Amino acid sequence: MENFTRYTAGMESHTDLVDDGWTRVASEVTKTAIQQENERRGAPMSPEEIGEFLFEADYRSMERVRARIDSVVTDTATAEALKPWYKRLCKRVGFHDEYLPTFNRDNVELVDTDGRGIERLTRDGVVVGGTEYKVDALIFATGYDVSSSYTRRAGFDIIGRDGIHLSDKWKSGPRTFHGLQSNGFPNCFFLGYTQTGIANNYTHTAEERARHLVYLLQQRVERGATTIEADLEAEDGWVSTMKELSNPGQAFYADCTPSYLDNEGDSGNPDGLVAANYGGGPIQFFQLLARWRDSGQMDGVTLS
């Protein structure tokens, strides 16, 4: 699991223990590709060379995707409509062996709305481009929300010390220490995508955050405390760190087509996924938490 995260985060360029689609993409268009190219050249590339290298590597990677569509889908018009024209990591990478061959079946038709969506629903089906397509069942693939406020997504508000509402404190974006605690909300912990190191394998992120949460709760018990809370100064420092390290991610997604990864084009959204991601990378974030635990000092947290 750690090898997968290290490889896809660009921290490992030699030993790929998983060797699946995810790690192969990483070896093409991430820091892993840069490391491999530097080794091939025998010298590190300049920032300008890295930018040019990644641009070309990304294009070659996407050309392979488009070529595979041509090789599998027999109808030319359908194949063209299925081809993606954006950078490799602008949308979540997906893999499926039977998806493309489905479009070669006689009872399957791709209805391309050219980004406009359907015009309207009728009693028997949907209308696209003035044509009604009758259906027996209609599945709404509406996606999920990762760019609105925490309280909207949770479905409730939290009231902390002195009656402060979380929605008021976080009105300009989340404010936490290490993504788990917020000053003014003792004994309250946030798990998920809140100012944390987000691994492509989310289970890894969840496990590391759970490990840190267990440590915090153990310390509260062992030290005879009844409350544990992040200090305001530590929270301010973490918010500053998050802002400082978010620039590379925002720069990458700035010229992507809209998706949940770039908050549907709103890269400045303080509640979005990019803003919630620790820009130093997931492994660095997990190591940061481990060093904090190992110190035993509980810096930035008050137990009382």
Protein backbone atom coordinates (compact mmCIF):
# COMPACT_ATOMS: atom_id res chain seq x y z
CA MET A 1 0.00 0.00 0.00
CA GLU A 2 2.81 2.41 0.87
CA ASN A 3 4.71 1.47 -2.28
CA PHE A 4 1.63 2.25 -4.38
CA THR A 5 1.21 5.65 -2.71
CA ARG A 6 4.91 6.45 -3.03
CA TYR A 7 4.93 5.44 -6.70
CA THR A 8 1.80 7.36 -7.69
CA ALA A 9 2.96 10.39 -5.68
CA GLY A 10 6.27 10.43 -7.54
CA MET A 11 8.50 9.39 -4.63
CA GLU A 12 9.53 5.98 -6.01
CA SER A 13 10.85 5.34 -9.50
CA HIS A 14 12.34 1.84 -9.38
CA THR A 15 10.31 -0.70 -7.42
CA ASP A 16 6.69 -0.96 -8.60
CA LEU A 17 5.14 -3.72 -6.48
CA VAL A 18 1.64 -3.18 -7.88
CA ASP A 19 2.23 -2.64 -11.62
CA ASP A 20 -1.31 -1.69 -12.57
CA GLY A 21 -2.85 1.07 -14.66
CA TRP A 22 -2.42 3.65 -11.92
CA THR A 23 1.29 3.06 -11.45
CA ARG A 24 1.89 2.89 -15.20
CA VAL A 25 0.28 6.32 -15.60
CA ALA A 26 2.48 7.57 -12.76
CA SER A 27 5.56 6.32 -14.57
CA GLU A 28 4.50 8.35 -17.62
CA VAL A 29 3.34 11.75 -16.38
CA THR A 30 4.37 12.40 -12.73
CA LYS A 31 7.52 12.98 -10.68
CA THR A 32 8.31 9.32 -11.22
CA ALA A 33 8.64 10.01 -14.96
CA ILE A 34 10.90 12.99 -14.23
CA GLN A 35 13.17 10.86 -12.02
CA GLN A 36 13.41 8.18 -14.67
CA GLU A 37 14.18 10.74 -17.40
CA ASN A 38 16.87 12.40 -15.25
CA GLU A 39 18.50 9.02 -14.74
CA ARG A 40 18.36 8.32 -18.47
CA ARG A 41 19.97 11.67 -19.26
CA GLY A 42 22.50 11.39 -16.45
CA ALA A 43 21.71 14.92 -15.23
CA PRO A 44 18.72 16.75 -13.76
CA MET A 45 16.48 18.72 -16.10
CA SER A 46 15.94 22.43 -15.67
CA PRO A 47 12.46 23.66 -14.64
CA GLU A 48 11.81 24.68 -18.25
CA GLU A 49 12.88 21.27 -19.53
CA ILE A 50 10.68 19.55 -16.96
CA GLY A 51 7.66 21.54 -18.11
CA GLU A 52 8.29 20.69 -21.75
CA PHE A 53 8.99 17.04 -20.93
CA LEU A 54 5.79 16.59 -18.94
CA PHE A 55 3.70 18.36 -21.60
CA GLU A 56 4.97 15.99 -24.28
CA ALA A 57 4.76 12.93 -22.00
CA ASP A 58 1.17 13.77 -21.13
CA TYR A 59 0.26 14.14 -24.80
CA ARG A 60 1.87 10.80 -25.68
CA SER A 61 0.04 9.11 -22.81
CA MET A 62 -3.32 10.48 -23.94
CA GLU A 63 -2.56 9.57 -27.55
CA ARG A 64 -2.24 5.95 -26.41
CA VAL A 65 -5.68 6.21 -24.80
CA ARG A 66 -7.19 7.63 -27.98
CA ALA A 67 -5.42 5.02 -30.11
CA ARG A 68 -6.88 2.24 -27.96
CA ILE A 69 -10.37 3.63 -28.56
CA ASP A 70 -9.74 3.51 -32.32
CA SER A 71 -8.48 -0.07 -32.06
CA VAL A 72 -11.52 -1.31 -30.10
CA VAL A 73 -14.56 0.71 -31.23
CA THR A 74 -15.47 -0.19 -34.81
CA ASP A 75 -17.75 2.76 -35.63
CA THR A 76 -15.58 5.77 -36.49
CA ALA A 77 -18.04 8.44 -35.34
CA THR A 78 -18.61 6.69 -32.01
CA ALA A 79 -14.88 6.30 -31.48
CA GLU A 80 -14.29 10.00 -32.13
CA ALA A 81 -17.02 10.99 -29.68
CA LEU A 82 -15.50 8.79 -26.97
CA LYS A 83 -12.00 10.28 -27.22
CA PRO A 84 -10.89 12.46 -24.28
CA TRP A 85 -9.11 15.72 -25.05
CA TYR A 86 -7.61 16.90 -21.79
CA LYS A 87 -4.49 16.25 -19.71
CA ARG A 88 -4.07 12.75 -18.27
CA LEU A 89 -4.71 13.60 -14.61
CA CYS A 90 -7.35 16.31 -15.11
CA LYS A 91 -10.02 13.72 -14.32
CA ARG A 92 -9.89 10.66 -12.12
CA VAL A 93 -8.22 7.82 -13.98
CA GLY A 94 -10.55 4.90 -14.73
CA PHE A 95 -9.89 1.42 -16.08
CA HIS A 96 -12.31 -1.18 -17.44
CA ASP A 97 -11.72 -4.06 -19.84
CA GLU A 98 -15.30 -4.33 -21.14
CA TYR A 99 -16.41 -0.68 -21.36
CA LEU A 100 -15.23 0.14 -24.89
CA PRO A 101 -16.28 -3.18 -26.51
CA THR A 102 -19.83 -2.48 -25.28
CA PHE A 103 -20.19 0.16 -28.02
CA ASN A 104 -19.75 -2.54 -30.68
CA ARG A 105 -22.98 -4.28 -29.65
CA ASP A 106 -26.02 -3.93 -31.91
CA ASN A 107 -28.27 -2.87 -29.02
CA VAL A 108 -25.95 -0.09 -27.75
CA GLU A 109 -25.87 3.47 -29.09
CA LEU A 110 -23.79 6.38 -27.86
CA VAL A 111 -25.86 9.58 -27.80
CA ASP A 112 -23.37 12.46 -27.75
CA THR A 113 -24.86 15.70 -26.41
CA ASP A 114 -21.64 17.60 -27.22
CA GLY A 115 -21.49 18.83 -23.64
CA ARG A 116 -24.96 20.37 -23.71
CA GLY A 117 -26.82 17.65 -21.82
CA ILE A 118 -30.27 16.40 -22.67
CA GLU A 119 -32.93 18.87 -23.80
CA ARG A 120 -35.85 17.44 -21.83
CA LEU A 121 -37.46 14.34 -20.44
CA THR A 122 -40.60 12.86 -21.94
CA ARG A 123 -42.99 10.21 -20.68
CA ASP A 124 -41.09 7.53 -22.59
CA GLY A 125 -37.51 8.75 -22.70
CA VAL A 126 -35.14 11.67 -23.31
CA VAL A 127 -34.74 14.23 -26.08
CA VAL A 128 -31.30 15.12 -27.47
CA GLY A 129 -30.79 17.24 -30.59
CA GLY A 130 -34.50 17.15 -31.32
CA THR A 131 -34.60 13.34 -31.33
CA GLU A 132 -36.48 11.34 -28.71
CA TYR A 133 -34.71 8.23 -27.42
CA LYS A 134 -37.12 5.85 -25.72
CA VAL A 135 -35.84 3.99 -22.68
CA ASP A 136 -37.13 1.44 -20.18
CA ALA A 137 -34.98 2.69 -17.32
CA LEU A 138 -33.16 5.97 -16.74
CA ILE A 139 -30.12 6.08 -14.44
CA PHE A 140 -29.10 9.47 -13.06
CA ALA A 141 -25.30 9.53 -12.66
CA THR A 142 -25.26 12.80 -10.73
CA GLY A 143 -21.86 12.38 -9.12
CA TYR A 144 -21.11 13.63 -5.65
CA ASP A 145 -20.29 16.87 -3.89
CA VAL A 146 -16.70 17.67 -2.89
CA SER A 147 -16.69 21.44 -3.41
CA SER A 148 -19.34 22.84 -1.05
CA SER A 149 -18.92 23.67 2.63
CA TYR A 150 -18.26 20.94 5.17
CA THR A 151 -21.55 21.49 6.97
CA ARG A 152 -23.55 21.29 3.73
CA ARG A 153 -21.92 17.96 2.86
CA ALA A 154 -22.29 16.61 6.41
CA GLY A 155 -25.95 17.62 6.52
CA PHE A 156 -25.71 19.34 9.90
CA ASP A 157 -23.88 22.14 11.70
CA ILE A 158 -21.69 21.74 14.78
CA ILE A 159 -21.84 24.14 17.72
CA GLY A 160 -18.60 24.61 19.66
CA ARG A 161 -17.50 26.54 22.70
CA ASP A 162 -19.34 29.81 23.40
CA GLY A 163 -22.03 28.90 20.86
CA ILE A 164 -19.84 29.31 17.77
CA HIS A 165 -21.14 27.48 14.70
CA LEU A 166 -18.68 25.59 12.51
CA SER A 167 -20.31 27.10 9.43
CA ASP A 168 -19.41 30.58 10.72
CA LYS A 169 -15.84 29.71 11.65
CA TRP A 170 -15.22 27.97 8.33
CA LYS A 171 -17.14 30.44 6.14
CA SER A 172 -13.91 31.28 4.27
CA GLY A 173 -12.75 27.66 4.16
CA PRO A 174 -11.74 24.96 6.67
CA ARG A 175 -9.53 25.92 9.60
CA THR A 176 -7.87 22.95 11.28
CA PHE A 177 -4.68 21.64 12.83
CA HIS A 178 -3.42 18.67 10.81
CA GLY A 179 -6.89 18.41 9.27
CA LEU A 180 -8.38 16.70 12.32
CA GLN A 181 -9.09 19.35 14.96
CA SER A 182 -10.31 22.94 15.06
CA ASN A 183 -9.86 25.45 17.87
CA GLY A 184 -13.09 26.10 19.75
CA PHE A 185 -14.40 22.59 19.10
CA PRO A 186 -12.97 20.35 21.85
CA ASN A 187 -13.28 16.57 21.50
CA CYS A 188 -14.39 17.04 17.87
CA PHE A 189 -12.47 15.33 15.07
CA PHE A 190 -12.78 15.65 11.30
CA LEU A 191 -12.04 12.68 9.06
CA GLY A 192 -12.09 12.74 5.29
CA TYR A 193 -10.65 15.25 2.81
CA THR A 194 -10.17 18.07 5.32
CA GLN A 195 -6.76 19.77 4.89
CA THR A 196 -4.93 16.46 4.67
CA GLY A 197 -2.54 14.41 2.56
CA ILE A 198 -4.75 12.78 -0.06
CA ALA A 199 -3.42 9.54 -1.54
CA ASN A 200 -4.81 8.12 -4.79
CA ASN A 201 -5.68 5.10 -2.68
CA TYR A 202 -8.00 6.83 -0.21
CA THR A 203 -7.92 3.82 2.15
CA HIS A 204 -4.29 4.71 2.88
CA THR A 205 -5.29 8.26 3.85
CA ALA A 206 -8.14 6.98 6.02
CA GLU A 207 -5.87 4.51 7.81
CA GLU A 208 -3.19 7.10 8.60
CA ARG A 209 -5.74 9.60 9.90
CA ALA A 210 -7.40 6.92 12.02
CA ARG A 211 -3.97 6.02 13.48
CA HIS A 212 -3.42 9.66 14.45
CA LEU A 213 -6.91 9.96 15.92
CA VAL A 214 -6.33 6.86 18.07
CA TYR A 215 -3.08 8.40 19.36
CA LEU A 216 -4.87 11.63 20.33
CA LEU A 217 -7.59 9.73 22.18
CA GLN A 218 -5.05 7.51 23.94
CA GLN A 219 -3.12 10.55 25.15
CA ARG A 220 -6.28 12.13 26.48
CA VAL A 221 -7.00 9.01 28.54
CA GLU A 222 -3.43 8.37 29.69
CA ARG A 223 -2.93 11.99 30.79
CA GLY A 224 -6.21 12.04 32.72
CA ALA A 225 -7.77 14.77 30.59
CA THR A 226 -11.41 15.16 29.68
CA THR A 227 -10.95 17.49 26.70
CA ILE A 228 -8.45 17.73 23.86
CA GLU A 229 -8.39 20.71 21.53
CA ALA A 230 -6.19 22.33 18.89
CA ASP A 231 -4.52 25.60 19.85
CA LEU A 232 -5.38 28.69 17.81
CA GLU A 233 -1.74 29.42 17.02
CA ALA A 234 -1.18 25.88 15.71
CA GLU A 235 -4.34 26.13 13.63
CA ASP A 236 -3.22 29.44 12.10
CA GLY A 237 0.13 27.87 11.25
CA TRP A 238 -1.47 24.86 9.55
CA VAL A 239 -3.83 27.03 7.50
CA SER A 240 -0.83 29.05 6.31
CA THR A 241 1.03 25.85 5.42
CA MET A 242 -1.94 24.58 3.44
CA LYS A 243 -2.17 27.82 1.45
CA GLU A 244 1.57 27.91 0.82
CA LEU A 245 1.72 24.37 -0.54
CA SER A 246 -1.49 24.49 -2.61
CA ASN A 247 -0.04 26.54 -5.49
CA PRO A 248 1.45 23.67 -7.57
CA GLY A 249 -1.84 21.76 -7.56
CA GLN A 250 -3.86 24.83 -8.45
CA ALA A 251 -1.46 25.65 -11.29
CA PHE A 252 -1.86 22.16 -12.79
CA TYR A 253 -5.66 22.17 -12.70
CA ALA A 254 -5.97 25.76 -13.94
CA ASP A 255 -5.96 24.63 -17.59
CA CYS A 256 -7.93 21.41 -17.09
CA THR A 257 -11.45 20.87 -18.34
CA PRO A 258 -13.98 21.19 -15.47
CA SER A 259 -14.34 18.25 -13.08
CA TYR A 260 -14.69 17.59 -9.37
CA LEU A 261 -10.88 17.64 -9.11
CA ASP A 262 -10.73 21.35 -10.01
CA ASN A 263 -14.07 22.30 -8.42
CA GLU A 264 -15.73 22.42 -11.84
CA GLY A 265 -13.30 25.13 -12.94
CA ASP A 266 -13.44 27.17 -9.72
CA SER A 267 -9.83 26.60 -8.62
CA GLY A 268 -10.05 29.33 -5.96
CA ASN A 269 -12.85 27.63 -4.04
CA PRO A 270 -11.59 27.33 -0.41
CA ASP A 271 -13.84 24.30 0.18
CA GLY A 272 -12.72 22.37 -2.89
CA LEU A 273 -10.61 19.25 -3.18
CA VAL A 274 -7.47 21.08 -4.29
CA ALA A 275 -7.66 23.41 -1.29
CA ALA A 276 -8.14 20.41 1.01
CA ASN A 277 -5.04 18.61 -0.25
CA TYR A 278 -1.71 18.97 1.56
CA GLY A 279 0.52 20.14 -1.28
CA GLY A 280 3.61 18.42 0.10
CA GLY A 281 2.19 15.05 -0.88
CA PRO A 282 0.53 12.22 1.05
CA ILE A 283 3.69 10.40 2.16
CA GLN A 284 5.22 13.62 3.50
CA PHE A 285 1.98 14.32 5.37
CA PHE A 286 1.89 10.85 6.91
CA GLN A 287 5.54 11.22 7.95
CA LEU A 288 4.78 14.64 9.45
CA LEU A 289 2.07 13.11 11.63
CA ALA A 290 4.36 10.24 12.65
CA ARG A 291 7.13 12.64 13.73
CA TRP A 292 4.60 14.66 15.70
CA ARG A 293 3.44 11.53 17.55
CA ASP A 294 6.99 10.31 18.14
CA SER A 295 7.95 13.57 19.83
CA GLY A 296 5.35 12.99 22.53
CA GLN A 297 5.18 16.74 23.11
CA MET A 298 1.62 17.28 21.89
CA ASP A 299 2.70 20.60 20.41
CA GLY A 300 -0.27 22.62 19.22
CA VAL A 301 -2.81 20.66 21.26
CA THR A 302 -4.14 21.39 24.75
CA LEU A 303 -5.39 18.65 27.08
CA SER A 304 -7.36 19.76 30.13
